Amino acid sequence: MNCDLFQNEENFDVDHREFWTEMGVSTAVGPNLVELRCVLERCKDWSVEKRTMVGLLCVLHLAVYGIAPTRRLPLQCAKRVLDFAAFQRYPWGRAACQTLVHSVKCADYTAKESYTIEGFIFILQIWAYESVTGIGELYVNKIVGENVPLLSWSGSRRFKFEDFIREEKKHHEAKVLFSSFVFSMLVILINNLNN
């Protein structure tokens, strides 16, 4: 996925009403996954180009934004499927990560037992997979000769995940602060070069 910076000067607009009407969805908003599933059932005879647009809308809904089936895609983003070049130019990777970070930051971890996380959630799955090594080193025994990290540990010792997260934050705090500082300085430098 394209992860370039968002281009503020690119003002994309295209008339989407004809295609939205053909799909049988409201022209005032972006489609939701429930509507797209209905469209998928009846678009078998459509042109390859139109079926590709429906497929791209599904990809946006499921992979990029990762939102609930009844939530609607942002209309400005959904309309990009009508222009394949504009669709490819748009930094979907950055949009997916931005949605994920916003979703994690806005979650209230004290109020519920479960949460819905939006965005490209596979990033969290990769982080969890990579964290197995850290959890294993602290709380269980390593199985010698096993190469798959998820299967390399054995033990029945219980631990609190919150304690592990707290320790990880403390351990990596300097890296995060330094990365934030470097990123801030790069943004200032780039802005100064552009002006």
N, C-alpha and C. Protein backbone atom coordinates (compact mmCIF):
# COMPACT_ATOMS: atom_id res chain seq x y z
N MET A 1 0.84 -1.18 0.00
CA MET A 1 0.00 0.00 0.00
C MET A 1 0.88 1.24 0.00
N ASN A 2 0.42 2.23 -0.70
CA ASN A 2 1.10 3.51 -0.76
C ASN A 2 1.08 4.15 0.64
N CYS A 3 2.24 4.52 1.15
CA CYS A 3 2.34 5.13 2.48
C CYS A 3 2.93 6.53 2.42
N ASP A 4 2.86 7.17 1.25
CA ASP A 4 3.38 8.53 1.11
C ASP A 4 2.58 9.48 1.99
N LEU A 5 3.06 10.71 2.11
CA LEU A 5 2.34 11.73 2.85
C LEU A 5 1.07 12.11 2.11
N PHE A 6 0.06 12.56 2.86
CA PHE A 6 -1.16 13.06 2.24
C PHE A 6 -0.83 14.32 1.47
N GLN A 7 -1.39 14.47 0.30
CA GLN A 7 -1.18 15.65 -0.53
C GLN A 7 -2.36 16.60 -0.32
N ASN A 8 -2.13 17.66 0.44
CA ASN A 8 -3.21 18.61 0.74
C ASN A 8 -3.71 19.33 -0.50
N GLU A 9 -2.80 19.55 -1.46
CA GLU A 9 -3.21 20.31 -2.63
C GLU A 9 -4.04 19.49 -3.61
N GLU A 10 -4.03 18.15 -3.48
CA GLU A 10 -4.81 17.33 -4.40
C GLU A 10 -6.27 17.37 -3.97
N ASN A 11 -7.10 17.96 -4.79
CA ASN A 11 -8.52 18.07 -4.51
C ASN A 11 -9.25 17.16 -5.48
N PHE A 12 -9.57 15.96 -5.05
CA PHE A 12 -10.18 14.97 -5.93
C PHE A 12 -11.69 15.02 -5.81
N ASP A 13 -12.35 15.13 -6.95
CA ASP A 13 -13.80 15.06 -6.96
C ASP A 13 -14.25 14.51 -8.29
N VAL A 14 -15.21 13.63 -8.24
CA VAL A 14 -15.76 13.00 -9.42
C VAL A 14 -17.24 12.72 -9.15
N ASP A 15 -18.04 12.74 -10.20
CA ASP A 15 -19.46 12.47 -10.02
C ASP A 15 -19.66 10.97 -9.82
N HIS A 16 -20.09 10.61 -8.66
CA HIS A 16 -20.25 9.21 -8.29
C HIS A 16 -21.69 8.74 -8.34
N ARG A 17 -22.63 9.65 -8.55
CA ARG A 17 -24.05 9.34 -8.39
C ARG A 17 -24.55 8.24 -9.33
N GLU A 18 -24.07 8.23 -10.57
CA GLU A 18 -24.55 7.21 -11.52
C GLU A 18 -24.14 5.80 -11.05
N PHE A 19 -22.89 5.65 -10.65
CA PHE A 19 -22.42 4.32 -10.21
C PHE A 19 -23.06 3.92 -8.90
N TRP A 20 -23.22 4.88 -7.97
CA TRP A 20 -23.86 4.58 -6.69
C TRP A 20 -25.31 4.16 -6.93
N THR A 21 -26.00 4.83 -7.84
CA THR A 21 -27.38 4.46 -8.17
C THR A 21 -27.43 3.06 -8.76
N GLU A 22 -26.49 2.75 -9.64
CA GLU A 22 -26.43 1.41 -10.22
C GLU A 22 -26.17 0.35 -9.15
N MET A 23 -25.38 0.70 -8.15
CA MET A 23 -25.13 -0.24 -7.05
C MET A 23 -26.35 -0.35 -6.14
N GLY A 24 -27.23 0.66 -6.17
CA GLY A 24 -28.41 0.64 -5.32
C GLY A 24 -28.15 1.14 -3.91
N VAL A 25 -27.19 2.06 -3.78
CA VAL A 25 -26.87 2.64 -2.47
C VAL A 25 -27.14 4.14 -2.52
N SER A 26 -27.21 4.74 -1.34
CA SER A 26 -27.46 6.17 -1.25
C SER A 26 -26.33 6.95 -1.90
N THR A 27 -26.68 7.98 -2.65
CA THR A 27 -25.67 8.80 -3.31
C THR A 27 -25.12 9.88 -2.39
N ALA A 28 -25.71 10.03 -1.20
CA ALA A 28 -25.29 11.09 -0.28
C ALA A 28 -24.13 10.66 0.63
N VAL A 29 -23.90 9.35 0.74
CA VAL A 29 -22.88 8.84 1.66
C VAL A 29 -22.12 7.70 1.00
N GLY A 30 -21.03 7.28 1.63
CA GLY A 30 -20.29 6.13 1.16
C GLY A 30 -21.04 4.85 1.51
N PRO A 31 -20.83 3.77 0.75
CA PRO A 31 -21.54 2.52 1.03
C PRO A 31 -21.00 1.83 2.29
N ASN A 32 -21.82 0.94 2.85
CA ASN A 32 -21.34 0.11 3.95
C ASN A 32 -21.19 -1.32 3.45
N LEU A 33 -20.64 -2.18 4.26
CA LEU A 33 -20.33 -3.55 3.82
C LEU A 33 -21.59 -4.37 3.58
N VAL A 34 -22.63 -4.13 4.34
CA VAL A 34 -23.90 -4.85 4.13
C VAL A 34 -24.41 -4.56 2.72
N GLU A 35 -24.38 -3.30 2.32
CA GLU A 35 -24.81 -2.93 0.97
C GLU A 35 -23.88 -3.53 -0.09
N LEU A 36 -22.58 -3.51 0.17
CA LEU A 36 -21.61 -4.03 -0.80
C LEU A 36 -21.78 -5.53 -1.00
N ARG A 37 -22.15 -6.26 0.05
CA ARG A 37 -22.41 -7.70 -0.10
C ARG A 37 -23.59 -7.94 -1.03
N CYS A 38 -24.63 -7.12 -0.91
CA CYS A 38 -25.78 -7.24 -1.82
C CYS A 38 -25.37 -6.93 -3.25
N VAL A 39 -24.53 -5.91 -3.42
CA VAL A 39 -24.04 -5.55 -4.75
C VAL A 39 -23.23 -6.71 -5.34
N LEU A 40 -22.41 -7.35 -4.54
CA LEU A 40 -21.58 -8.46 -5.02
C LEU A 40 -22.43 -9.61 -5.56
N GLU A 41 -23.61 -9.81 -4.99
CA GLU A 41 -24.49 -10.89 -5.45
C GLU A 41 -25.08 -10.60 -6.82
N ARG A 42 -25.24 -9.33 -7.17
CA ARG A 42 -25.90 -9.03 -8.44
C ARG A 42 -25.01 -8.36 -9.48
N CYS A 43 -23.72 -8.27 -9.25
CA CYS A 43 -22.85 -7.58 -10.20
C CYS A 43 -22.09 -8.54 -11.12
N LYS A 44 -22.45 -9.80 -11.13
CA LYS A 44 -21.72 -10.80 -11.91
C LYS A 44 -21.70 -10.49 -13.41
N ASP A 45 -22.73 -9.83 -13.91
CA ASP A 45 -22.81 -9.51 -15.34
C ASP A 45 -22.27 -8.12 -15.67
N TRP A 46 -21.80 -7.39 -14.69
CA TRP A 46 -21.27 -6.06 -14.93
C TRP A 46 -19.91 -6.15 -15.61
N SER A 47 -19.44 -5.04 -16.11
CA SER A 47 -18.12 -5.02 -16.75
C SER A 47 -17.03 -5.27 -15.70
N VAL A 48 -15.87 -5.71 -16.16
CA VAL A 48 -14.75 -5.97 -15.27
C VAL A 48 -14.38 -4.71 -14.50
N GLU A 49 -14.43 -3.58 -15.17
CA GLU A 49 -14.08 -2.30 -14.54
C GLU A 49 -15.00 -2.01 -13.35
N LYS A 50 -16.30 -2.19 -13.53
CA LYS A 50 -17.26 -1.91 -12.46
C LYS A 50 -17.13 -2.93 -11.32
N ARG A 51 -16.92 -4.19 -11.66
CA ARG A 51 -16.72 -5.20 -10.61
C ARG A 51 -15.45 -4.92 -9.82
N THR A 52 -14.42 -4.41 -10.51
CA THR A 52 -13.17 -4.04 -9.83
C THR A 52 -13.44 -2.91 -8.85
N MET A 53 -14.26 -1.94 -9.25
CA MET A 53 -14.58 -0.82 -8.36
C MET A 53 -15.31 -1.33 -7.11
N VAL A 54 -16.23 -2.26 -7.28
CA VAL A 54 -16.95 -2.83 -6.13
C VAL A 54 -15.95 -3.58 -5.24
N GLY A 55 -15.05 -4.32 -5.85
CA GLY A 55 -14.03 -5.04 -5.09
C GLY A 55 -13.14 -4.09 -4.31
N LEU A 56 -12.75 -2.99 -4.92
CA LEU A 56 -11.91 -2.00 -4.23
C LEU A 56 -12.66 -1.36 -3.06
N LEU A 57 -13.95 -1.14 -3.22
CA LEU A 57 -14.75 -0.63 -2.10
C LEU A 57 -14.75 -1.62 -0.94
N CYS A 58 -14.84 -2.91 -1.26
CA CYS A 58 -14.79 -3.95 -0.21
C CYS A 58 -13.43 -3.95 0.47
N VAL A 59 -12.35 -3.81 -0.31
CA VAL A 59 -11.00 -3.77 0.27
C VAL A 59 -10.87 -2.57 1.20
N LEU A 60 -11.38 -1.43 0.78
CA LEU A 60 -11.32 -0.24 1.64
C LEU A 60 -12.06 -0.50 2.95
N HIS A 61 -13.23 -1.09 2.84
CA HIS A 61 -14.05 -1.32 4.03
C HIS A 61 -13.41 -2.32 4.98
N LEU A 62 -12.93 -3.43 4.44
CA LEU A 62 -12.41 -4.51 5.28
C LEU A 62 -10.97 -4.31 5.72
N ALA A 63 -10.09 -3.93 4.81
CA ALA A 63 -8.66 -3.91 5.11
C ALA A 63 -8.14 -2.53 5.51
N VAL A 64 -8.54 -1.50 4.80
CA VAL A 64 -7.98 -0.17 5.09
C VAL A 64 -8.63 0.44 6.31
N TYR A 65 -9.96 0.54 6.30
CA TYR A 65 -10.65 1.17 7.42
C TYR A 65 -11.04 0.18 8.50
N GLY A 66 -11.26 -1.08 8.14
CA GLY A 66 -11.57 -2.11 9.13
C GLY A 66 -12.73 -1.76 10.02
N ILE A 67 -13.79 -1.22 9.45
CA ILE A 67 -14.92 -0.74 10.24
C ILE A 67 -16.04 -1.77 10.27
N ALA A 68 -16.98 -1.59 11.17
CA ALA A 68 -18.12 -2.50 11.33
C ALA A 68 -18.91 -2.54 10.02
N PRO A 69 -19.54 -3.68 9.73
CA PRO A 69 -20.29 -3.84 8.46
C PRO A 69 -21.36 -2.79 8.22
N THR A 70 -21.93 -2.22 9.28
CA THR A 70 -22.99 -1.22 9.09
C THR A 70 -22.46 0.20 9.02
N ARG A 71 -21.18 0.41 9.32
CA ARG A 71 -20.59 1.75 9.21
C ARG A 71 -20.27 2.06 7.76
N ARG A 72 -20.36 3.30 7.40
CA ARG A 72 -20.16 3.72 6.01
C ARG A 72 -18.74 4.19 5.76
N LEU A 73 -18.27 3.92 4.56
CA LEU A 73 -16.97 4.44 4.13
C LEU A 73 -17.07 5.95 3.99
N PRO A 74 -16.00 6.67 4.28
CA PRO A 74 -16.02 8.11 4.00
C PRO A 74 -16.24 8.33 2.49
N LEU A 75 -17.19 9.15 2.15
CA LEU A 75 -17.57 9.34 0.74
C LEU A 75 -16.39 9.82 -0.11
N GLN A 76 -15.62 10.79 0.40
CA GLN A 76 -14.49 11.31 -0.38
C GLN A 76 -13.49 10.22 -0.75
N CYS A 77 -13.29 9.27 0.16
CA CYS A 77 -12.36 8.17 -0.12
C CYS A 77 -13.00 7.13 -1.02
N ALA A 78 -14.26 6.84 -0.81
CA ALA A 78 -14.96 5.82 -1.61
C ALA A 78 -15.03 6.24 -3.09
N LYS A 79 -15.18 7.53 -3.35
CA LYS A 79 -15.28 8.00 -4.74
C LYS A 79 -13.99 7.77 -5.53
N ARG A 80 -12.88 7.57 -4.85
CA ARG A 80 -11.60 7.37 -5.55
C ARG A 80 -11.58 6.09 -6.37
N VAL A 81 -12.46 5.14 -6.07
CA VAL A 81 -12.48 3.90 -6.87
C VAL A 81 -12.91 4.17 -8.31
N LEU A 82 -13.52 5.31 -8.56
CA LEU A 82 -13.99 5.64 -9.91
C LEU A 82 -12.85 6.08 -10.83
N ASP A 83 -11.72 6.43 -10.25
CA ASP A 83 -10.54 6.83 -11.02
C ASP A 83 -9.36 6.01 -10.51
N PHE A 84 -8.98 4.97 -11.26
CA PHE A 84 -7.98 4.02 -10.80
C PHE A 84 -6.64 4.70 -10.51
N ALA A 85 -6.25 5.68 -11.33
CA ALA A 85 -4.98 6.39 -11.10
C ALA A 85 -5.03 7.16 -9.78
N ALA A 86 -6.16 7.83 -9.51
CA ALA A 86 -6.31 8.57 -8.25
C ALA A 86 -6.34 7.60 -7.07
N PHE A 87 -6.93 6.44 -7.27
CA PHE A 87 -6.98 5.43 -6.22
C PHE A 87 -5.56 4.97 -5.87
N GLN A 88 -4.75 4.71 -6.88
CA GLN A 88 -3.38 4.24 -6.64
C GLN A 88 -2.50 5.33 -6.04
N ARG A 89 -2.76 6.56 -6.37
CA ARG A 89 -1.96 7.68 -5.86
C ARG A 89 -2.21 7.94 -4.37
N TYR A 90 -3.39 7.65 -3.92
CA TYR A 90 -3.77 7.98 -2.54
C TYR A 90 -3.01 7.10 -1.55
N PRO A 91 -2.52 7.67 -0.45
CA PRO A 91 -1.73 6.90 0.52
C PRO A 91 -2.61 6.06 1.46
N TRP A 92 -3.15 4.96 0.94
CA TRP A 92 -4.05 4.11 1.72
C TRP A 92 -3.34 3.51 2.93
N GLY A 93 -2.07 3.19 2.79
CA GLY A 93 -1.33 2.64 3.93
C GLY A 93 -1.30 3.62 5.10
N ARG A 94 -1.07 4.88 4.79
CA ARG A 94 -1.06 5.92 5.82
C ARG A 94 -2.45 6.10 6.41
N ALA A 95 -3.49 6.07 5.57
CA ALA A 95 -4.87 6.20 6.06
C ALA A 95 -5.23 5.04 6.98
N ALA A 96 -4.80 3.83 6.62
CA ALA A 96 -5.10 2.65 7.43
C ALA A 96 -4.42 2.75 8.79
N CYS A 97 -3.16 3.16 8.80
CA CYS A 97 -2.42 3.29 10.07
C CYS A 97 -2.99 4.42 10.91
N GLN A 98 -3.36 5.50 10.27
CA GLN A 98 -3.94 6.64 10.99
C GLN A 98 -5.26 6.23 11.64
N THR A 99 -6.08 5.46 10.94
CA THR A 99 -7.35 4.98 11.48
C THR A 99 -7.10 4.06 12.67
N LEU A 100 -6.11 3.17 12.55
CA LEU A 100 -5.77 2.25 13.63
C LEU A 100 -5.30 3.01 14.87
N VAL A 101 -4.38 3.95 14.70
CA VAL A 101 -3.85 4.71 15.83
C VAL A 101 -4.97 5.49 16.51
N HIS A 102 -5.82 6.12 15.73
CA HIS A 102 -6.95 6.87 16.29
C HIS A 102 -7.87 5.94 17.08
N SER A 103 -8.13 4.77 16.55
CA SER A 103 -9.00 3.80 17.20
C SER A 103 -8.41 3.33 18.53
N VAL A 104 -7.11 3.07 18.56
CA VAL A 104 -6.46 2.62 19.79
C VAL A 104 -6.43 3.74 20.82
N LYS A 105 -6.14 4.96 20.37
CA LYS A 105 -6.06 6.09 21.31
C LYS A 105 -7.42 6.42 21.91
N CYS A 106 -8.50 6.23 21.14
CA CYS A 106 -9.83 6.61 21.61
C CYS A 106 -10.51 5.53 22.44
N ALA A 107 -9.95 4.32 22.46
CA ALA A 107 -10.57 3.24 23.22
C ALA A 107 -10.51 3.54 24.72
N ASP A 108 -11.62 3.28 25.40
CA ASP A 108 -11.68 3.46 26.85
C ASP A 108 -11.53 2.07 27.46
N TYR A 109 -10.34 1.77 27.94
CA TYR A 109 -10.03 0.42 28.42
C TYR A 109 -10.61 0.12 29.79
N THR A 110 -11.16 1.11 30.46
CA THR A 110 -11.72 0.88 31.79
C THR A 110 -13.22 0.62 31.74
N ALA A 111 -13.86 0.92 30.66
CA ALA A 111 -15.31 0.87 30.60
C ALA A 111 -15.88 -0.49 30.18
N LYS A 112 -15.17 -1.24 29.35
CA LYS A 112 -15.74 -2.45 28.79
C LYS A 112 -14.79 -3.64 28.92
N GLU A 113 -15.35 -4.79 28.59
CA GLU A 113 -14.56 -6.01 28.57
C GLU A 113 -14.01 -6.30 27.18
N SER A 114 -14.63 -5.71 26.15
CA SER A 114 -14.14 -5.94 24.78
C SER A 114 -14.20 -4.63 24.01
N TYR A 115 -13.42 -4.56 22.92
CA TYR A 115 -13.30 -3.34 22.14
C TYR A 115 -13.34 -3.68 20.67
N THR A 116 -13.76 -2.72 19.89
CA THR A 116 -13.68 -2.83 18.44
C THR A 116 -12.57 -1.90 18.00
N ILE A 117 -11.58 -2.47 17.36
CA ILE A 117 -10.46 -1.69 16.86
C ILE A 117 -10.61 -1.57 15.35
N GLU A 118 -10.50 -0.36 14.85
CA GLU A 118 -10.64 -0.11 13.42
C GLU A 118 -9.26 0.13 12.81
N GLY A 119 -9.21 0.07 11.49
CA GLY A 119 -7.96 0.32 10.77
C GLY A 119 -7.32 -0.98 10.34
N PHE A 120 -6.07 -0.90 9.99
CA PHE A 120 -5.32 -2.06 9.50
C PHE A 120 -4.85 -2.87 10.71
N ILE A 121 -5.75 -3.69 11.24
CA ILE A 121 -5.51 -4.38 12.50
C ILE A 121 -4.38 -5.40 12.43
N PHE A 122 -3.96 -5.76 11.23
CA PHE A 122 -2.89 -6.74 11.09
C PHE A 122 -1.59 -6.22 11.71
N ILE A 123 -1.45 -4.91 11.80
CA ILE A 123 -0.29 -4.32 12.46
C ILE A 123 -0.27 -4.74 13.93
N LEU A 124 -1.45 -4.71 14.57
CA LEU A 124 -1.53 -5.15 15.97
C LEU A 124 -1.25 -6.63 16.10
N GLN A 125 -1.69 -7.41 15.13
CA GLN A 125 -1.42 -8.85 15.17
C GLN A 125 0.07 -9.12 15.04
N ILE A 126 0.75 -8.38 14.18
CA ILE A 126 2.20 -8.54 14.04
C ILE A 126 2.90 -8.14 15.33
N TRP A 127 2.44 -7.03 15.93
CA TRP A 127 3.02 -6.60 17.20
C TRP A 127 2.83 -7.68 18.26
N ALA A 128 1.62 -8.26 18.33
CA ALA A 128 1.37 -9.31 19.32
C ALA A 128 2.27 -10.52 19.07
N TYR A 129 2.42 -10.89 17.81
CA TYR A 129 3.27 -12.03 17.45
C TYR A 129 4.72 -11.76 17.87
N GLU A 130 5.19 -10.55 17.62
CA GLU A 130 6.56 -10.19 18.00
C GLU A 130 6.72 -10.07 19.51
N SER A 131 5.63 -9.75 20.22
CA SER A 131 5.70 -9.62 21.68
C SER A 131 5.80 -10.96 22.39
N VAL A 132 5.47 -12.05 21.70
CA VAL A 132 5.53 -13.36 22.32
C VAL A 132 6.92 -13.63 22.88
N THR A 133 7.95 -13.22 22.16
CA THR A 133 9.32 -13.43 22.63
C THR A 133 9.56 -12.71 23.95
N GLY A 134 9.13 -11.46 24.06
CA GLY A 134 9.31 -10.70 25.30
C GLY A 134 8.54 -11.29 26.45
N ILE A 135 7.31 -11.70 26.19
CA ILE A 135 6.49 -12.32 27.23
C ILE A 135 7.12 -13.65 27.66
N GLY A 136 7.56 -14.43 26.66
CA GLY A 136 8.18 -15.72 26.95
C GLY A 136 9.42 -15.59 27.80
N GLU A 137 10.28 -14.64 27.46
CA GLU A 137 11.52 -14.45 28.22
C GLU A 137 11.25 -14.07 29.67
N LEU A 138 10.18 -13.33 29.91
CA LEU A 138 9.89 -12.89 31.27
C LEU A 138 9.11 -13.90 32.10
N TYR A 139 8.23 -14.67 31.46
CA TYR A 139 7.26 -15.42 32.25
C TYR A 139 7.26 -16.94 32.07
N VAL A 140 7.86 -17.48 31.01
CA VAL A 140 7.79 -18.93 30.79
C VAL A 140 9.14 -19.49 30.37
N ASN A 141 9.18 -20.77 30.07
CA ASN A 141 10.42 -21.45 29.71
C ASN A 141 10.52 -21.64 28.20
N LYS A 142 11.70 -21.46 27.66
CA LYS A 142 11.94 -21.63 26.22
C LYS A 142 12.08 -23.12 25.90
N ILE A 143 11.45 -23.54 24.81
CA ILE A 143 11.57 -24.91 24.32
C ILE A 143 12.73 -24.91 23.34
N VAL A 144 13.77 -25.67 23.63
CA VAL A 144 14.96 -25.72 22.78
C VAL A 144 14.63 -26.46 21.49
N GLY A 145 15.06 -25.87 20.37
CA GLY A 145 14.89 -26.51 19.07
C GLY A 145 13.63 -26.10 18.32
N GLU A 146 12.72 -25.40 18.96
CA GLU A 146 11.49 -24.96 18.29
C GLU A 146 11.75 -23.62 17.63
N ASN A 147 11.48 -23.51 16.34
CA ASN A 147 11.78 -22.29 15.59
C ASN A 147 10.61 -21.34 15.45
N VAL A 148 9.38 -21.80 15.69
CA VAL A 148 8.21 -20.94 15.55
C VAL A 148 7.99 -20.21 16.87
N PRO A 149 8.11 -18.88 16.90
CA PRO A 149 8.02 -18.14 18.16
C PRO A 149 6.77 -18.44 18.99
N LEU A 150 5.62 -18.60 18.35
CA LEU A 150 4.40 -18.86 19.12
C LEU A 150 4.44 -20.22 19.82
N LEU A 151 5.23 -21.15 19.29
CA LEU A 151 5.29 -22.50 19.85
C LEU A 151 6.56 -22.75 20.66
N SER A 152 7.38 -21.73 20.84
CA SER A 152 8.69 -21.89 21.46
C SER A 152 8.68 -21.77 22.97
N TRP A 153 7.53 -21.70 23.58
CA TRP A 153 7.47 -21.42 25.00
C TRP A 153 6.54 -22.40 25.70
N SER A 154 6.88 -22.73 26.93
CA SER A 154 6.06 -23.65 27.70
C SER A 154 6.01 -23.17 29.14
N GLY A 155 4.89 -23.36 29.77
CA GLY A 155 4.76 -22.97 31.17
C GLY A 155 3.32 -22.66 31.49
N SER A 156 3.03 -22.61 32.77
CA SER A 156 1.66 -22.33 33.20
C SER A 156 1.59 -21.15 34.15
N ARG A 157 2.68 -20.41 34.24
CA ARG A 157 2.72 -19.25 35.12
C ARG A 157 1.79 -18.16 34.61
N ARG A 158 1.00 -17.60 35.50
CA ARG A 158 0.07 -16.53 35.11
C ARG A 158 0.75 -15.17 35.28
N PHE A 159 0.34 -14.24 34.44
CA PHE A 159 0.87 -12.88 34.56
C PHE A 159 -0.21 -11.91 34.13
N LYS A 160 -0.04 -10.66 34.52
CA LYS A 160 -0.99 -9.62 34.11
C LYS A 160 -0.43 -8.93 32.89
N PHE A 161 -1.21 -8.90 31.84
CA PHE A 161 -0.78 -8.28 30.60
C PHE A 161 -0.50 -6.80 30.80
N GLU A 162 -1.27 -6.17 31.69
CA GLU A 162 -1.06 -4.74 31.97
C GLU A 162 0.34 -4.48 32.51
N ASP A 163 0.83 -5.41 33.37
CA ASP A 163 2.18 -5.26 33.90
C ASP A 163 3.22 -5.36 32.78
N PHE A 164 3.00 -6.29 31.86
CA PHE A 164 3.92 -6.44 30.72
C PHE A 164 3.94 -5.17 29.87
N ILE A 165 2.76 -4.63 29.57
CA ILE A 165 2.67 -3.41 28.76
C ILE A 165 3.38 -2.26 29.47
N ARG A 166 3.16 -2.13 30.78
CA ARG A 166 3.80 -1.06 31.55
C ARG A 166 5.32 -1.18 31.46
N GLU A 167 5.84 -2.39 31.61
CA GLU A 167 7.29 -2.61 31.54
C GLU A 167 7.82 -2.32 30.13
N GLU A 168 7.07 -2.71 29.11
CA GLU A 168 7.49 -2.45 27.73
C GLU A 168 7.55 -0.95 27.46
N LYS A 169 6.54 -0.23 27.94
CA LYS A 169 6.54 1.22 27.76
C LYS A 169 7.74 1.85 28.44
N LYS A 170 8.01 1.40 29.67
CA LYS A 170 9.14 1.94 30.41
C LYS A 170 10.46 1.60 29.71
N HIS A 171 10.56 0.38 29.22
CA HIS A 171 11.79 -0.09 28.56
C HIS A 171 12.05 0.66 27.24
N HIS A 172 10.99 0.98 26.52
CA HIS A 172 11.15 1.60 25.19
C HIS A 172 10.83 3.10 25.19
N GLU A 173 10.61 3.69 26.33
CA GLU A 173 10.24 5.11 26.41
C GLU A 173 11.25 6.02 25.74
N ALA A 174 12.52 5.77 25.96
CA ALA A 174 13.56 6.62 25.37
C ALA A 174 13.51 6.56 23.85
N LYS A 175 13.27 5.36 23.29
CA LYS A 175 13.19 5.22 21.83
C LYS A 175 12.00 6.00 21.28
N VAL A 176 10.86 5.90 21.96
CA VAL A 176 9.66 6.60 21.50
C VAL A 176 9.87 8.10 21.56
N LEU A 177 10.42 8.60 22.68
CA LEU A 177 10.67 10.03 22.81
C LEU A 177 11.66 10.51 21.75
N PHE A 178 12.73 9.74 21.51
CA PHE A 178 13.70 10.12 20.51
C PHE A 178 13.08 10.10 19.12
N SER A 179 12.30 9.06 18.81
CA SER A 179 11.64 8.97 17.50
C SER A 179 10.70 10.15 17.29
N SER A 180 9.93 10.51 18.33
CA SER A 180 9.02 11.64 18.22
C SER A 180 9.78 12.93 17.98
N PHE A 181 10.91 13.10 18.69
CA PHE A 181 11.73 14.28 18.53
C PHE A 181 12.28 14.37 17.11
N VAL A 182 12.85 13.25 16.62
CA VAL A 182 13.41 13.22 15.27
C VAL A 182 12.33 13.49 14.24
N PHE A 183 11.16 12.87 14.40
CA PHE A 183 10.06 13.10 13.46
C PHE A 183 9.65 14.57 13.46
N SER A 184 9.53 15.16 14.65
CA SER A 184 9.16 16.58 14.74
C SER A 184 10.19 17.46 14.05
N MET A 185 11.46 17.16 14.25
CA MET A 185 12.52 17.95 13.62
C MET A 185 12.47 17.80 12.09
N LEU A 186 12.21 16.59 11.60
CA LEU A 186 12.10 16.38 10.15
C LEU A 186 10.94 17.16 9.56
N VAL A 187 9.81 17.17 10.26
CA VAL A 187 8.65 17.92 9.78
C VAL A 187 8.98 19.40 9.70
N ILE A 188 9.64 19.94 10.72
CA ILE A 188 10.03 21.36 10.73
C ILE A 188 10.99 21.64 9.58
N LEU A 189 11.97 20.75 9.39
CA LEU A 189 12.95 20.92 8.32
C LEU A 189 12.27 20.91 6.95
N ILE A 190 11.38 19.95 6.72
CA ILE A 190 10.70 19.85 5.44
C ILE A 190 9.82 21.08 5.22
N ASN A 191 9.11 21.53 6.25
CA ASN A 191 8.28 22.72 6.11
C ASN A 191 9.13 23.95 5.78
N ASN A 192 10.29 24.06 6.41
CA ASN A 192 11.17 25.19 6.12
C ASN A 192 11.71 25.13 4.69
N LEU A 193 11.99 23.93 4.21
CA LEU A 193 12.50 23.79 2.83
C LEU A 193 11.41 24.13 1.82
N ASN A 194 10.16 23.79 2.14
CA ASN A 194 9.05 24.06 1.22
C ASN A 194 8.67 25.52 1.18
N ASN A 195 8.99 26.26 2.23
CA ASN A 195 8.62 27.70 2.29
C ASN A 195 9.68 28.53 1.72
